PDB file of N, CA and C in Angstrom:
ATOM      1  N   MET A   1     -78.038  90.720 296.413  1.00  0.00           N
ATOM      2  CA  MET A   1     -77.817  91.583 297.026  1.00  0.00           C
ATOM      3  C   MET A   1     -77.820  93.115 296.281  1.00  0.00           C
ATOM      4  N   THR A   2     -78.119  94.015 297.166  1.00  0.00           N
ATOM      5  CA  THR A   2     -77.826  95.094 296.302  1.00  0.00           C
ATOM      6  C   THR A   2     -76.858  95.382 296.194  1.00  0.00           C
ATOM      7  N   PHE A   3     -76.790  96.834 295.393  1.00  0.00           N
ATOM      8  CA  PHE A   3     -75.767  97.616 294.747  1.00  0.00           C
ATOM      9  C   PHE A   3     -75.124  97.539 295.985  1.00  0.00           C
ATOM     10  N   ILE A   4     -75.804  98.893 295.974  1.00  0.00           N
ATOM     11  CA  ILE A   4     -75.593  99.277 297.872  1.00  0.00           C
ATOM     12  C   ILE A   4     -74.901  99.015 299.489  1.00  0.00           C
ATOM     13  N   GLU A   5     -75.233  97.249 299.113  1.00  0.00           N
ATOM     14  CA  GLU A   5     -74.984  96.740 300.192  1.00  0.00           C
ATOM     15  C   GLU A   5     -73.690  95.921 299.834  1.00  0.00           C
ATOM     16  N   PHE A   6     -73.354  95.936 298.422  1.00  0.00           N
ATOM     17  CA  PHE A   6     -72.625  95.371 297.999  1.00  0.00           C
ATOM     18  C   PHE A   6     -71.443  96.559 298.220  1.00  0.00           C
ATOM     19  N   LYS A   7     -71.663  97.795 297.865  1.00  0.00           N
ATOM     20  CA  LYS A   7     -70.546  98.569 297.995  1.00  0.00           C
ATOM     21  C   LYS A   7     -70.058  98.809 299.819  1.00  0.00           C
ATOM     22  N   LYS A   8     -70.968  98.439 300.355  1.00  0.00           N
ATOM     23  CA  LYS A   8     -71.452  98.548 301.972  1.00  0.00           C
ATOM     24  C   LYS A   8     -69.988  97.141 301.999  1.00  0.00           C
ATOM     25  N   THR A   9     -70.055  96.179 301.520  1.00  0.00           N
ATOM     26  CA  THR A   9     -69.738  94.894 301.992  1.00  0.00           C
ATOM     27  C   THR A   9     -68.142  95.329 301.407  1.00  0.00           C
ATOM     28  N   LEU A  10     -67.973  95.636 300.002  1.00  0.00           N
ATOM     29  CA  LEU A  10     -66.154  95.606 299.555  1.00  0.00           C
ATOM     30  C   LEU A  10     -65.445  96.546 301.253  1.00  0.00           C
ATOM     31  N   LEU A  11     -66.277  97.944 301.372  1.00  0.00           N
ATOM     32  CA  LEU A  11     -65.875  98.924 302.770  1.00  0.00           C
ATOM     33  C   LEU A  11     -65.272  97.903 303.843  1.00  0.00           C
ATOM     34  N   ASP A  12     -65.942  96.535 304.263  1.00  0.00           N
ATOM     35  CA  ASP A  12     -66.068  96.163 305.201  1.00  0.00           C
ATOM     36  C   ASP A  12     -64.638  94.711 305.420  1.00  0.00           C
ATOM     37  N   ALA A  13     -64.853  94.717 304.170  1.00  0.00           N
ATOM     38  CA  ALA A  13     -63.191  93.972 303.234  1.00  0.00           C
ATOM     39  C   ALA A  13     -62.334  95.472 303.467  1.00  0.00           C
ATOM     40  N   GLU A  14     -62.268  96.388 302.953  1.00  0.00           N
ATOM     41  CA  GLU A  14     -61.648  97.398 303.352  1.00  0.00           C
ATOM     42  C   GLU A  14     -61.110  97.016 301.486  1.00  0.00           C
ATOM     43  N   ILE A  15     -61.908  96.521 300.842  1.00  0.00           N
ATOM     44  CA  ILE A  15     -60.434  97.187 299.337  1.00  0.00           C
ATOM     45  C   ILE A  15     -61.900  98.013 298.512  1.00  0.00           C
ATOM     46  N   SER A  16     -60.884  98.940 297.237  1.00  0.00           N
ATOM     47  CA  SER A  16     -62.239  99.292 296.206  1.00  0.00           C
ATOM     48  C   SER A  16     -62.471  98.490 295.346  1.00  0.00           C
ATOM     49  N   LEU A  17     -63.438  98.362 294.825  1.00  0.00           N
ATOM     50  CA  LEU A  17     -64.006  98.156 293.679  1.00  0.00           C
ATOM     51  C   LEU A  17     -63.001  97.883 292.547  1.00  0.00           C
ATOM     52  N   PRO A  18     -62.434  98.523 292.172  1.00  0.00           N
ATOM     53  CA  PRO A  18     -61.396  98.818 291.173  1.00  0.00           C
ATOM     54  C   PRO A  18     -60.563  97.614 291.056  1.00  0.00           C
ATOM     55  N   LYS A  19     -59.619  97.467 292.935  1.00  0.00           N
ATOM     56  CA  LYS A  19     -59.235  97.143 293.377  1.00  0.00           C
ATOM     57  C   LYS A  19     -60.253  95.277 293.116  1.00  0.00           C
ATOM     58  N   PHE A  20     -61.440  95.420 294.068  1.00  0.00           N
ATOM     59  CA  PHE A  20     -61.856  93.897 293.611  1.00  0.00           C
ATOM     60  C   PHE A  20     -62.339  93.416 291.988  1.00  0.00           C
ATOM     61  N   SER A  21     -62.571  94.147 291.396  1.00  0.00           N
ATOM     62  CA  SER A  21     -62.666  93.485 290.030  1.00  0.00           C
ATOM     63  C   SER A  21     -61.655  92.928 289.780  1.00  0.00           C
ATOM     64  N   LYS A  22     -60.309  93.759 290.172  1.00  0.00           N
ATOM     65  CA  LYS A  22     -59.072  93.417 289.817  1.00  0.00           C
ATOM     66  C   LYS A  22     -58.282  92.324 290.181  1.00  0.00           C
ATOM     67  N   LEU A  23     -58.498  91.899 291.504  1.00  0.00           N
ATOM     68  CA  LEU A  23     -58.681  90.461 291.695  1.00  0.00           C
ATOM     69  C   LEU A  23     -59.510  89.716 291.793  1.00  0.00           C
ATOM     70  N   ILE A  24     -60.989  89.514 290.979  1.00  0.00           N
ATOM     71  CA  ILE A  24     -60.933  88.544 290.688  1.00  0.00           C
ATOM     72  C   ILE A  24     -61.490  88.348 288.987  1.00  0.00           C
ATOM     73  N   LYS A  25     -60.984  89.313 288.418  1.00  0.00           N
ATOM     74  CA  LYS A  25     -60.584  89.308 286.718  1.00  0.00           C
ATOM     75  C   LYS A  25     -61.519  89.569 286.207  1.00  0.00           C
ATOM     76  N   VAL A  26     -62.623  90.447 286.378  1.00  0.00           N
ATOM     77  CA  VAL A  26     -63.558  90.806 286.062  1.00  0.00           C
ATOM     78  C   VAL A  26     -63.630  92.259 285.367  1.00  0.00           C
ATOM     79  N   SER A  27     -64.015  92.722 284.569  1.00  0.00           N
ATOM     80  CA  SER A  27     -63.570  94.103 284.563  1.00  0.00           C
ATOM     81  C   SER A  27     -64.497  94.844 285.048  1.00  0.00           C
ATOM     82  N   GLU A  28     -63.877  96.280 285.525  1.00  0.00           N
ATOM     83  CA  GLU A  28     -64.678  97.160 286.844  1.00  0.00           C
ATOM     84  C   GLU A  28     -65.746  97.401 285.829  1.00  0.00           C
ATOM     85  N   LYS A  29     -65.878  97.807 284.516  1.00  0.00           N
ATOM     86  CA  LYS A  29     -67.253  98.533 283.853  1.00  0.00           C
ATOM     87  C   LYS A  29     -68.279  97.131 284.000  1.00  0.00           C
ATOM     88  N   ASN A  30     -68.217  95.957 283.709  1.00  0.00           N
ATOM     89  CA  ASN A  30     -68.547  94.844 284.373  1.00  0.00           C
ATOM     90  C   ASN A  30     -69.157  95.279 285.617  1.00  0.00           C
ATOM     91  N   ILE A  31     -68.969  95.064 286.520  1.00  0.00           N
ATOM     92  CA  ILE A  31     -69.301  95.353 287.908  1.00  0.00           C
ATOM     93  C   ILE A  31     -69.612  96.234 287.898  1.00  0.00           C
ATOM     94  N   GLN A  32     -69.835  98.056 287.691  1.00  0.00           N
ATOM     95  CA  GLN A  32     -70.467  98.953 287.582  1.00  0.00           C
ATOM     96  C   GLN A  32     -71.677  98.844 286.718  1.00  0.00           C
ATOM     97  N   SER A  33     -71.961  97.984 286.352  1.00  0.00           N
ATOM     98  CA  SER A  33     -72.554  97.884 284.987  1.00  0.00           C
ATOM     99  C   SER A  33     -74.221  97.798 286.061  1.00  0.00           C
ATOM    100  N   TYR A  34     -73.912  96.886 286.823  1.00  0.00           N
ATOM    101  CA  TYR A  34     -74.690  96.342 288.259  1.00  0.00           C
ATOM    102  C   TYR A  34     -75.958  96.990 288.519  1.00  0.00           C
ATOM    103  N   LYS A  35     -75.074  98.583 288.410  1.00  0.00           N
ATOM    104  CA  LYS A  35     -75.091  99.734 289.571  1.00  0.00           C
ATOM    105  C   LYS A  35     -76.759  99.889 288.694  1.00  0.00           C
ATOM    106  N   LYS A  36     -77.428 100.018 287.454  1.00  0.00           N
ATOM    107  CA  LYS A  36     -78.252 100.185 286.698  1.00  0.00           C
ATOM    108  C   LYS A  36     -79.094  99.547 287.309  1.00  0.00           C
ATOM    109  N   LYS A  37     -78.992  97.606 287.517  1.00  0.00           N
ATOM    110  CA  LYS A  37     -80.038  96.651 287.865  1.00  0.00           C
ATOM    111  C   LYS A  37     -80.500  97.502 289.274  1.00  0.00           C
ATOM    112  N   GLY A  38     -79.454  97.613 289.855  1.00  0.00           N
ATOM    113  CA  GLY A  38     -79.590  98.193 291.712  1.00  0.00           C
ATOM    114  C   GLY A  38     -79.679  96.599 291.743  1.00  0.00           C
ATOM    115  N   GLU A  39     -79.039  95.275 291.592  1.00  0.00           N
ATOM    116  CA  GLU A  39     -77.990  94.403 292.612  1.00  0.00           C
ATOM    117  C   GLU A  39     -76.984  93.458 291.349  1.00  0.00           C
ATOM    118  N   VAL A  40     -76.518  93.117 292.672  1.00  0.00           N
ATOM    119  CA  VAL A  40     -75.586  92.615 292.093  1.00  0.00           C
ATOM    120  C   VAL A  40     -75.537  90.912 291.645  1.00  0.00           C
ATOM    121  N   PRO A  41     -75.045  90.207 290.930  1.00  0.00           N
ATOM    122  CA  PRO A  41     -75.208  88.545 290.857  1.00  0.00           C
ATOM    123  C   PRO A  41     -75.011  88.074 292.175  1.00  0.00           C
ATOM    124  N   ASN A  42     -75.520  86.638 291.888  1.00  0.00           N
ATOM    125  CA  ASN A  42     -74.864  86.199 293.228  1.00  0.00           C
ATOM    126  C   ASN A  42     -73.257  85.564 293.707  1.00  0.00           C
ATOM    127  N   CYS A  43     -73.118  85.852 292.625  1.00  0.00           N
ATOM    128  CA  CYS A  43     -71.823  84.933 292.977  1.00  0.00           C
ATOM    129  C   CYS A  43     -70.942  85.545 292.948  1.00  0.00           C
ATOM    130  N   ILE A  44     -70.775  87.470 292.925  1.00  0.00           N
ATOM    131  CA  ILE A  44     -70.580  88.257 292.815  1.00  0.00           C
ATOM    132  C   ILE A  44     -71.199  89.130 294.471  1.00  0.00           C
ATOM    133  N   ALA A  45     -72.166  88.518 294.950  1.00  0.00           N
ATOM    134  CA  ALA A  45     -72.263  89.200 296.220  1.00  0.00           C
ATOM    135  C   ALA A  45     -71.609  87.957 297.695  1.00  0.00           C
ATOM    136  N   VAL A  46     -71.552  86.852 297.135  1.00  0.00           N
ATOM    137  CA  VAL A  46     -71.148  85.474 297.435  1.00  0.00           C
ATOM    138  C   VAL A  46     -69.298  85.795 297.837  1.00  0.00           C
ATOM    139  N   ALA A  47     -69.193  86.127 296.807  1.00  0.00           N
ATOM    140  CA  ALA A  47     -67.189  86.451 296.809  1.00  0.00           C
ATOM    141  C   ALA A  47     -67.116  87.875 297.827  1.00  0.00           C
ATOM    142  N   ALA A  48     -67.865  89.058 297.435  1.00  0.00           N
ATOM    143  CA  ALA A  48     -67.402  90.325 298.233  1.00  0.00           C
ATOM    144  C   ALA A  48     -67.892  89.828 299.921  1.00  0.00           C
ATOM    145  N   SER A  49     -68.574  89.272 300.209  1.00  0.00           N
ATOM    146  CA  SER A  49     -69.570  88.655 301.398  1.00  0.00           C
ATOM    147  C   SER A  49     -68.093  87.994 301.957  1.00  0.00           C
ATOM    148  N   CYS A  50     -67.541  86.840 301.456  1.00  0.00           N
ATOM    149  CA  CYS A  50     -66.381  86.071 301.556  1.00  0.00           C
ATOM    150  C   CYS A  50     -65.393  86.786 302.424  1.00  0.00           C
ATOM    151  N   PHE A  51     -64.743  87.793 301.590  1.00  0.00           N
ATOM    152  CA  PHE A  51     -63.883  89.045 301.427  1.00  0.00           C
ATOM    153  C   PHE A  51     -63.616  89.290 302.830  1.00  0.00           C
ATOM    154  N   ALA A  52     -64.796  89.861 302.754  1.00  0.00           N
ATOM    155  CA  ALA A  52     -65.282  90.663 304.120  1.00  0.00           C
ATOM    156  C   ALA A  52     -65.235  89.954 305.671  1.00  0.00           C
ATOM    157  N   HIS A  53     -65.404  88.809 305.644  1.00  0.00           N
ATOM    158  CA  HIS A  53     -66.112  87.804 306.736  1.00  0.00           C
ATOM    159  C   HIS A  53     -64.439  87.591 306.958  1.00  0.00           C
ATOM    160  N   MET A  54     -63.381  86.623 305.878  1.00  0.00           N
ATOM    161  CA  MET A  54     -62.123  86.954 305.955  1.00  0.00           C
ATOM    162  C   MET A  54     -61.144  87.808 306.801  1.00  0.00           C
ATOM    163  N   HIS A  55     -61.585  89.513 306.105  1.00  0.00           N
ATOM    164  CA  HIS A  55     -60.867  90.211 306.525  1.00  0.00           C
ATOM    165  C   HIS A  55     -60.552  90.341 308.226  1.00  0.00           C
ATOM    166  N   LYS A  56     -62.506  90.533 308.970  1.00  0.00           N
ATOM    167  CA  LYS A  56     -62.573  90.476 309.946  1.00  0.00           C
ATOM    168  C   LYS A  56     -61.907  89.081 310.628  1.00  0.00           C
ATOM    169  N   SER A  57     -61.972  88.074 310.003  1.00  0.00           N
ATOM    170  CA  SER A  57     -60.938  87.176 310.989  1.00  0.00           C
ATOM    171  C   SER A  57     -59.543  87.242 310.471  1.00  0.00           C
ATOM    172  N   GLY A  58     -59.056  88.250 310.135  1.00  0.00           N
ATOM    173  CA  GLY A  58     -57.805  88.214 309.871  1.00  0.00           C
ATOM    174  C   GLY A  58     -57.454  87.611 308.387  1.00  0.00           C
ATOM    175  N   LEU A  59     -58.098  86.382 308.460  1.00  0.00           N
ATOM    176  CA  LEU A  59     -57.438  86.057 306.750  1.00  0.00           C
ATOM    177  C   LEU A  59     -56.739  86.927 305.529  1.00  0.00           C
ATOM    178  N   ASN A  60     -56.218  86.489 304.574  1.00  0.00           N
ATOM    179  CA  ASN A  60     -55.325  87.454 303.559  1.00  0.00           C
ATOM    180  C   ASN A  60     -55.923  86.451 302.877  1.00  0.00           C
ATOM    181  N   TYR A  61     -57.292  87.091 302.128  1.00  0.00           N
ATOM    182  CA  TYR A  61     -57.881  86.776 301.329  1.00  0.00           C
ATOM    183  C   TYR A  61     -57.513  86.946 299.611  1.00  0.00           C
ATOM    184  N   ARG A  62     -57.001  88.449 299.946  1.00  0.00           N
ATOM    185  CA  ARG A  62     -56.005  88.746 298.504  1.00  0.00           C
ATOM    186  C   ARG A  62     -54.684  87.581 298.205  1.00  0.00           C
ATOM    187  N   ASN A  63     -54.379  87.116 299.006  1.00  0.00           N
ATOM    188  CA  ASN A  63     -53.530  85.873 298.542  1.00  0.00           C
ATOM    189  C   ASN A  63     -54.114  84.792 298.226  1.00  0.00           C
ATOM    190  N   ILE A  64     -54.969  84.236 298.980  1.00  0.00           N
ATOM    191  CA  ILE A  64     -55.547  82.980 298.560  1.00  0.00           C
ATOM    192  C   ILE A  64     -56.253  83.126 297.422  1.00  0.00           C
ATOM    193  N   VAL A  65     -56.723  84.526 296.528  1.00  0.00           N
ATOM    194  CA  VAL A  65     -57.750  84.401 295.691  1.00  0.00           C
ATOM    195  C   VAL A  65     -56.407  84.570 294.291  1.00  0.00           C
ATOM    196  N   GLU A  66     -55.093  85.105 294.926  1.00  0.00           N
ATOM    197  CA  GLU A  66     -53.949  85.424 293.711  1.00  0.00           C
ATOM    198  C   GLU A  66     -53.549  84.238 293.434  1.00  0.00           C
ATOM    199  N   ASN A  67     -53.808  83.141 294.419  1.00  0.00           N
ATOM    200  CA  ASN A  67     -53.136  81.981 294.345  1.00  0.00           C
ATOM    201  C   ASN A  67     -53.707  81.087 293.507  1.00  0.00           C
ATOM    202  N   LEU A  68     -55.052  81.629 292.727  1.00  0.00           N
ATOM    203  CA  LEU A  68     -55.696  80.492 292.282  1.00  0.00           C
ATOM    204  C   LEU A  68     -55.392  81.015 290.603  1.00  0.00           C
ATOM    205  N   GLU A  69     -54.915  81.671 290.583  1.00  0.00           N
ATOM    206  CA  GLU A  69     -54.025  82.101 289.339  1.00  0.00           C
ATOM    207  C   GLU A  69     -55.639  82.371 288.343  1.00  0.00           C
ATOM    208  N   LEU A  70     -55.895  82.811 288.667  1.00  0.00           N
ATOM    209  CA  LEU A  70     -57.461  82.997 287.878  1.00  0.00           C
ATOM    210  C   LEU A  70     -57.296  84.117 286.724  1.00  0.00           C
ATOM    211  N   LYS A  71     -58.265  83.657 285.326  1.00  0.00           N
ATOM    212  CA  LYS A  71     -57.996  84.945 284.133  1.00  0.00           C
ATOM    213  C   LYS A  71     -58.718  85.176 283.951  1.00  0.00           C
ATOM    214  N   ALA A  72     -58.367  86.197 283.096  1.00  0.00           N
ATOM    215  CA  ALA A  72     -60.188  87.113 282.753  1.00  0.00           C
ATOM    216  C   ALA A  72     -60.262  86.983 281.484  1.00  0.00           C
ATOM    217  N   LYS A  73     -61.347  86.967 281.651  1.00  0.00           N
ATOM    218  CA  LYS A  73     -62.139  86.176 279.608  1.00  0.00           C
ATOM    219  C   LYS A  73     -61.989  87.192 279.464  1.00  0.00           C
ATOM    220  N   THR A  74     -62.075  87.328 277.741  1.00  0.00           N
ATOM    221  CA  THR A  74     -61.776  87.692 276.566  1.00  0.00           C
ATOM    222  C   THR A  74     -63.140  87.971 275.504  1.00  0.00           C
ATOM    223  N   LYS A  75     -63.287  89.278 275.146  1.00  0.00           N
ATOM    224  CA  LYS A  75     -64.510  89.545 274.258  1.00  0.00           C
ATOM    225  C   LYS A  75     -63.815  88.581 273.140  1.00  0.00           C
ATOM    226  N   LYS A  76     -65.069  87.648 272.369  1.00  0.00           N
ATOM    227  CA  LYS A  76     -64.865  86.832 271.147  1.00  0.00           C
ATOM    228  C   LYS A  76     -65.604  87.268 270.170  1.00  0.00           C
ATOM    229  N   GLY A  77     -65.279  87.631 268.958  1.00  0.00           N
ATOM    230  CA  GLY A  77     -65.702  87.703 267.547  1.00  0.00           C
ATOM    231  C   GLY A  77     -65.358  89.357 267.140  1.00  0.00           C
ATOM    232  N   ALA A  78     -65.755  89.872 266.085  1.00  0.00           N
ATOM    233  CA  ALA A  78     -64.798  90.370 265.033  1.00  0.00           C
ATOM    234  C   ALA A  78     -64.614  91.856 265.684  1.00  0.00           C
ATOM    235  N   GLY A  79     -65.637  92.694 265.458  1.00  0.00           N
ATOM    236  CA  GLY A  79     -65.179  94.279 266.274  1.00  0.00           C
ATOM    237  C   GLY A  79     -64.525  94.607 265.164  1.00  0.00           C
ATOM    238  N   PHE A  80     -64.033  96.346 265.060  1.00  0.00           N
ATOM    239  CA  PHE A  80     -63.970  95.881 264.483  1.00  0.00           C
ATOM    240  C   PHE A  80     -62.008  96.268 263.810  1.00  0.00           C
ATOM    241  N   GLY A  81     -61.568  96.030 265.047  1.00  0.00           N
ATOM    242  CA  GLY A  81     -60.073  95.581 264.675  1.00  0.00           C
ATOM    243  C   GLY A  81     -59.835  94.681 263.892  1.00  0.00           C
ATOM    244  N   LYS A  82     -60.785  93.927 263.893  1.00  0.00           N
ATOM    245  CA  LYS A  82     -60.699  92.639 262.999  1.00  0.00           C
ATOM    246  C   LYS A  82     -61.220  92.324 261.939  1.00  0.00           C
ATOM    247  N   CYS A  83     -61.485  93.834 261.200  1.00  0.00           N
ATOM    248  CA  CYS A  83     -61.993  93.447 259.635  1.00  0.00           C
ATOM    249  C   CYS A  83     -60.973  92.841 258.756  1.00  0.00           C
ATOM    250  N   LYS A  84     -61.210  91.553 257.871  1.00  0.00           N
ATOM    251  CA  LYS A  84     -60.971  91.179 256.772  1.00  0.00           C
ATOM    252  C   LYS A  84     -60.611  92.422 256.234  1.00  0.00           C
ATOM    253  N   LYS A  85     -59.431  92.727 255.262  1.00  0.00           N
ATOM    254  CA  LYS A  85     -59.438  93.348 253.979  1.00  0.00           C
ATOM    255  C   LYS A  85     -60.011  92.640 252.510  1.00  0.00           C
ATOM    256  N   LYS A  86     -61.073  92.935 251.897  1.00  0.00           N
ATOM    257  CA  LYS A  86     -61.504  92.634 250.617  1.00  0.00           C
ATOM    258  C   LYS A  86     -60.309  93.151 249.325  1.00  0.00           C
ATOM    259  N   SER A  87     -60.243  91.964 248.721  1.00  0.00           N
ATOM    260  CA  SER A  87     -59.717  91.870 247.808  1.00  0.00           C
ATOM    261  C   SER A  87     -59.715  93.375 246.762  1.00  0.00           C
ATOM    262  N   GLY A  88     -60.270  94.026 246.265  1.00  0.00           N
ATOM    263  CA  GLY A  88     -60.588  95.527 245.879  1.00  0.00           C
ATOM    264  C   GLY A  88     -61.438  95.008 244.018  1.00  0.00           C
ATOM    265  N   LYS A  89     -61.661  94.143 244.259  1.00  0.00           N
ATOM    266  CA  LYS A  89     -62.887  93.356 243.128  1.00  0.00           C
ATOM    267  C   LYS A  89     -64.630  93.688 243.681  1.00  0.00           C
ATOM    268  N   LEU A  90     -64.879  94.275 242.653  1.00  0.00           N
ATOM    269  CA  LEU A  90     -66.051  93.984 242.954  1.00  0.00           C
ATOM    270  C   LEU A  90     -67.430  93.104 242.854  1.00  0.00           C
ATOM    271  N   SER A  91     -68.056  92.734 244.025  1.00  0.00           N
ATOM    272  CA  SER A  91     -68.609  91.594 243.770  1.00  0.00           C
ATOM    273  C   SER A  91     -69.822  91.344 242.437  1.00  0.00           C
ATOM    274  N   GLU A  92     -69.827  90.931 241.767  1.00  0.00           N
ATOM    275  CA  GLU A  92     -70.974  90.310 240.432  1.00  0.00           C
ATOM    276  C   GLU A  92     -72.400  90.025 241.456  1.00  0.00           C
ATOM    277  N   LEU A  93     -73.417  90.742 240.955  1.00  0.00           N
ATOM    278  CA  LEU A  93     -75.126  90.953 241.670  1.00  0.00           C
ATOM    279  C   LEU A  93     -75.686  89.794 240.554  1.00  0.00           C
TER     280      LEU A  93
END
C-alpha cells in the first residue's frame, strides 16, 4: 500500500495519523518515515484497512484495539542520557 493510499484509508476509518499511531503504540515519527519510502509495511496497511472496514460496518475498532493493552516498544541502547561517569583517573597507554 502506498503512503497516499494509507492516508486515504485512515480517512475512511475516520482517524488521524497521530491518533492511529497512538492507538497501535507506534511512534508517529516512525509512521511518517514511510512517506519517504513511498509505501507502508504490510502490517500497518492491514491494520488501517481493517479499521476502515470495521468503521464502515459500525464496529468500534478503537475499543477492540485498546482492550488488547498493547505496549509501546522502547529503544534499547546507551544513548547520551545513559553515559557512565568516569572515575577521573587517567588510563595508562
